[in-house]
Protein backbone atom coordinates (compact mmCIF):
# COMPACT_ATOMS: atom_id res chain seq x y z
CA ARG A 1 7.08 -28.63 78.72
CA ASP A 2 8.40 -27.87 82.30
CA ARG A 3 11.91 -28.39 83.67
CA VAL A 4 12.79 -27.97 87.36
CA ASN A 5 16.47 -27.46 88.56
CA THR A 6 17.74 -27.30 92.22
CA PHE A 7 21.29 -26.32 93.26
CA SER A 8 22.64 -26.30 96.92
CA SER A 9 25.94 -24.59 97.68
CA ASP A 10 28.62 -26.20 99.96
CA GLY A 11 30.46 -22.88 100.35
CA VAL A 12 32.81 -23.76 97.51
CA ALA A 13 30.69 -24.43 94.43
CA THR A 14 28.56 -21.47 93.23
CA GLY A 15 25.22 -21.72 91.63
CA THR A 16 23.62 -18.94 89.47
CA THR A 17 20.35 -18.28 87.76
CA GLN A 18 20.58 -15.66 85.10
CA LEU A 19 18.08 -13.78 83.01
CA TYR A 20 18.68 -11.41 80.10
CA GLN A 21 16.71 -8.15 80.14
CA LEU A 22 15.90 -6.93 76.68
CA GLY A 23 15.32 -3.28 77.62
CA PRO A 24 18.31 -2.53 79.86
CA ASN A 25 20.36 -5.07 77.81
CA THR A 26 21.89 -6.49 80.88
CA TRP A 27 21.85 -9.74 82.92
CA THR A 28 20.15 -9.96 86.24
CA SER A 29 20.91 -13.03 88.63
CA LEU A 30 20.40 -14.87 91.83
CA VAL A 31 23.60 -16.39 93.30
CA ALA A 32 23.93 -19.28 95.86
CA ASP A 33 27.59 -19.24 97.13
CA ASP A 34 27.26 -19.55 100.99
CA PRO A 35 26.97 -22.93 102.63
CA GLY A 36 23.43 -24.32 102.61
CA GLU A 37 22.08 -21.75 100.19
CA THR A 38 19.77 -23.21 97.61
CA ILE A 39 18.27 -22.07 94.29
CA ASN A 40 15.13 -23.72 92.93
CA ALA A 41 14.37 -22.77 89.22
CA LEU A 42 11.44 -23.75 87.08
CA HIS A 43 11.69 -23.30 83.28
CA SER A 44 8.58 -23.84 81.17
CA VAL A 45 7.86 -23.50 77.38
CA GLU A 46 4.62 -23.71 75.49
CA VAL A 47 4.33 -23.59 71.80
CA HIS A 48 1.39 -23.43 69.36
CA SER A 49 1.74 -23.51 65.57
CA THR A 50 -0.68 -23.35 62.74
CA ASN A 51 0.26 -23.61 59.06
CA ILE A 52 -1.43 -23.98 55.70
CA HIS A 53 0.27 -25.30 52.50
CA ALA A 54 -0.13 -25.75 48.74
CA PHE A 55 1.49 -28.78 47.21
CA LYS A 56 3.07 -29.59 43.84
CA ALA A 57 4.27 -33.11 43.14
CA ILE A 58 6.77 -34.21 40.49
CA ASN A 59 6.45 -38.04 39.87
CA PHE A 60 9.23 -40.36 38.62
CA LYS A 61 9.14 -44.05 38.00
CA ARG A 62 10.01 -45.09 41.60
CA SER A 63 10.12 -41.85 43.50
CA SER A 64 8.59 -38.41 43.71
CA VAL A 65 9.45 -34.89 44.87
CA ASN A 66 6.90 -32.76 46.54
CA GLY A 67 7.23 -29.09 46.83
CA ARG A 68 5.37 -27.16 49.55
CA PHE A 69 4.72 -23.54 50.11
CA GLY A 70 2.42 -21.83 52.67
CA LEU A 71 2.12 -19.59 55.74
CA GLN A 72 2.76 -20.28 59.45
CA TYR A 73 1.58 -18.64 62.59
CA VAL A 74 3.13 -19.30 66.02
CA THR A 75 2.85 -18.34 69.61
CA LEU A 76 5.62 -19.10 72.00
CA GLU A 77 5.39 -18.56 75.77
CA GLN A 78 8.53 -19.14 78.05
CA LYS A 79 8.63 -18.70 81.74
CA LEU A 80 11.35 -18.67 84.38
CA ASP A 81 10.50 -18.78 88.11
CA SER A 82 13.64 -19.00 90.42
CA GLU A 83 13.96 -18.49 94.17
CA LEU A 84 16.98 -18.29 96.55
CA PHE A 85 16.88 -19.73 99.97
CA ASP A 86 19.33 -19.42 102.91
CA ALA A 87 20.50 -22.54 104.93
CA GLY A 88 17.47 -22.06 107.17
CA GLY A 89 15.06 -22.11 104.33
CA THR A 90 14.15 -18.46 104.36
CA SER A 91 13.67 -16.85 100.93
CA MET A 92 16.38 -14.40 99.98
CA GLY A 93 15.04 -13.34 96.79
CA ARG A 94 12.95 -14.32 93.68
CA LEU A 95 13.76 -13.89 89.94
CA THR A 96 10.95 -14.27 87.54
CA GLY A 97 10.66 -13.66 83.92
CA THR A 98 8.08 -14.22 81.02
CA SER A 99 8.61 -13.97 77.33
CA ASP A 100 5.64 -13.99 74.95
CA LEU A 101 6.32 -14.26 71.23
CA THR A 102 3.77 -14.00 68.42
CA ALA A 103 5.07 -14.36 64.74
CA PHE A 104 3.85 -15.02 61.25
CA GLY A 105 5.54 -15.60 57.85
CA PRO A 106 6.14 -17.88 54.85
CA ARG A 107 6.87 -21.65 55.13
CA PHE A 108 8.30 -23.72 52.40
CA GLY A 109 9.67 -27.26 52.12
CA VAL A 110 10.60 -30.27 49.95
CA ASP A 111 9.75 -33.98 50.39
CA TYR A 112 11.53 -36.84 48.62
CA VAL A 113 9.52 -39.98 48.54
CA ARG A 114 10.88 -43.39 47.20
CA LYS A 115 9.40 -46.88 47.10
CA ILE A 116 10.98 -49.61 49.22
CA GLY A 117 11.31 -52.53 46.95
CA HIS A 118 7.95 -54.27 46.08
CA THR A 119 6.51 -53.40 49.46
CA PRO A 120 3.56 -50.92 50.06
CA LEU A 121 6.13 -48.81 52.00
CA GLN A 122 7.91 -45.76 51.06
CA ILE A 123 10.93 -43.97 52.58
CA VAL A 124 10.34 -40.24 53.16
CA SER A 125 12.90 -37.45 53.83
CA SER A 126 11.62 -33.90 54.24
CA ALA A 127 13.16 -30.46 54.83
CA THR A 128 11.15 -27.42 55.79
CA SER A 129 11.93 -23.93 56.70
CA ALA A 130 9.83 -20.95 57.95
CA VAL A 131 10.97 -17.27 58.13
CA LEU A 132 8.74 -15.56 60.71
CA PHE A 133 8.28 -11.94 61.81
CA GLY A 134 6.57 -10.80 64.93
CA ASP A 135 6.85 -9.26 68.41
CA ARG A 136 7.99 -10.21 71.81
CA ASP A 137 6.78 -8.98 75.22
CA GLN A 138 9.11 -9.52 78.05
CA THR A 139 8.67 -8.99 81.90
CA VAL A 140 11.55 -9.41 84.40
CA ASN A 141 11.41 -9.03 88.14
CA ASN A 142 14.28 -9.62 90.60
CA THR A 143 13.16 -9.01 94.15
CA SER A 144 16.74 -9.43 95.54
CA THR A 145 18.09 -6.45 93.52
CA GLY A 146 14.82 -4.51 92.89
CA GLU A 147 15.38 -4.83 89.09
CA ILE A 148 12.13 -4.62 87.00
CA SER A 149 11.90 -4.57 83.26
CA ARG A 150 9.03 -4.62 80.88
CA ILE A 151 9.53 -4.16 77.15
CA GLY A 152 8.18 -5.17 73.76
CA ALA A 153 10.45 -5.73 70.76
CA ASP A 154 10.24 -6.63 67.06
CA GLU A 155 11.53 -10.20 66.32
CA PHE A 156 12.73 -12.24 63.38
CA LEU A 157 13.26 -16.05 63.62
CA THR A 158 13.83 -19.03 61.46
CA ILE A 159 12.39 -22.52 62.06
CA ILE A 160 13.98 -25.55 60.44
CA ASP A 161 12.43 -29.09 60.33
CA ILE A 162 14.19 -32.20 59.18
CA PHE A 163 12.19 -35.42 58.92
CA LEU A 164 13.25 -38.94 58.04
CA GLY A 165 10.84 -41.89 58.10
CA VAL A 166 8.52 -44.27 56.28
CA GLN A 167 4.99 -44.00 55.04
CA SER A 168 2.22 -46.39 53.78
CA LYS A 169 -0.57 -45.59 51.35
CA SER A 170 -4.08 -47.29 51.15
CA TYR A 171 -5.72 -46.54 47.86
CA ARG A 172 -9.54 -45.94 47.56
CA GLY A 173 -9.94 -45.29 43.85
CA GLU A 174 -7.75 -43.88 41.15
CA ASN A 175 -6.91 -40.58 42.82
CA ARG A 176 -7.83 -41.18 46.45
CA ASN A 177 -5.66 -42.58 49.16
CA ILE A 178 -4.95 -42.40 52.86
CA SER A 179 -1.36 -42.20 53.93
CA THR A 180 0.28 -42.86 57.32
CA ARG A 181 3.67 -41.56 57.98
CA ILE A 182 5.97 -42.16 60.98
CA GLY A 183 9.53 -41.11 61.61
CA PHE A 184 12.16 -39.07 63.47
CA VAL A 185 11.86 -35.20 63.42
CA ASN A 186 14.43 -32.51 64.39
CA GLN A 187 13.06 -29.01 64.72
CA THR A 188 15.42 -25.95 65.31
CA TRP A 189 14.17 -22.56 66.27
CA LEU A 190 16.93 -19.98 65.40
CA GLY A 191 16.24 -16.67 67.26
CA GLY A 192 13.27 -18.26 69.07
CA GLY A 193 14.74 -17.47 72.46
CA THR A 194 14.87 -19.37 75.73
CA ALA A 195 13.58 -18.76 79.30
CA ILE A 196 16.86 -17.04 80.20
CA ASP A 197 17.95 -15.47 76.93
CA PRO A 198 15.25 -14.12 74.35
CA SER A 199 17.98 -13.93 71.65
CA GLY A 200 18.98 -17.58 72.12
CA ASP A 201 18.17 -20.63 70.05
CA PHE A 202 16.40 -23.94 71.03
CA GLY A 203 15.08 -27.08 69.37
CA PHE A 204 12.97 -30.21 69.71
CA GLN A 205 13.71 -33.82 68.86
CA GLY A 206 11.25 -36.73 68.72
CA PHE A 207 9.07 -39.11 66.72
CA SER A 208 6.24 -37.91 64.48
CA ILE A 209 3.03 -39.70 63.36
CA MET A 210 0.99 -38.12 60.57
CA VAL A 211 -2.16 -39.18 58.76
CA GLY A 212 -3.20 -37.66 55.42
CA LEU A 213 -6.13 -38.01 53.04
CA ASN A 214 -5.66 -37.35 49.30
CA ARG A 215 -8.95 -36.77 47.35
């Protein structure tokens, strides 16, 4: 996911792009405060996640509770590329930073599933959490100040997923079925970092579609 921001100063309003450096434990920045000065900044994030689970279901008359436990492996790459221009369009400095995180750890969750009347649909609510450990490599370069920082650091983060939706099952024999699930998901990365602050938090929201096969 990419996000582009642009700010132009009128001599009164001030625009700043900041980036936290893990090694020096300081902030480095570009500032547009003179008339016509402009900052262009690109933030990007790329996430890859792989997980494997074991399931245990407890069935009731009209509902069920599914417990899940497994492992999760994630890679997270975030980038900042910002440049400051004067009123004539000449570059006055560039601030770039990359943050690459790799982490691994246990993941566990609970699903609550309940039938909707006499329909083939079921309402599903799910809460999942992962506690991950890994390392982060950060590189920062600010040409306007000459600041350069490269460092690796041990990291700890927590991922929390909340899902609410509906699912439908199509049975193909006594114990075989295909399930389709659609709903809204909110995912929070505590300590996952951002393009400007590796110690910050971020999250995702959106709709999820899942298809499962039970044999």
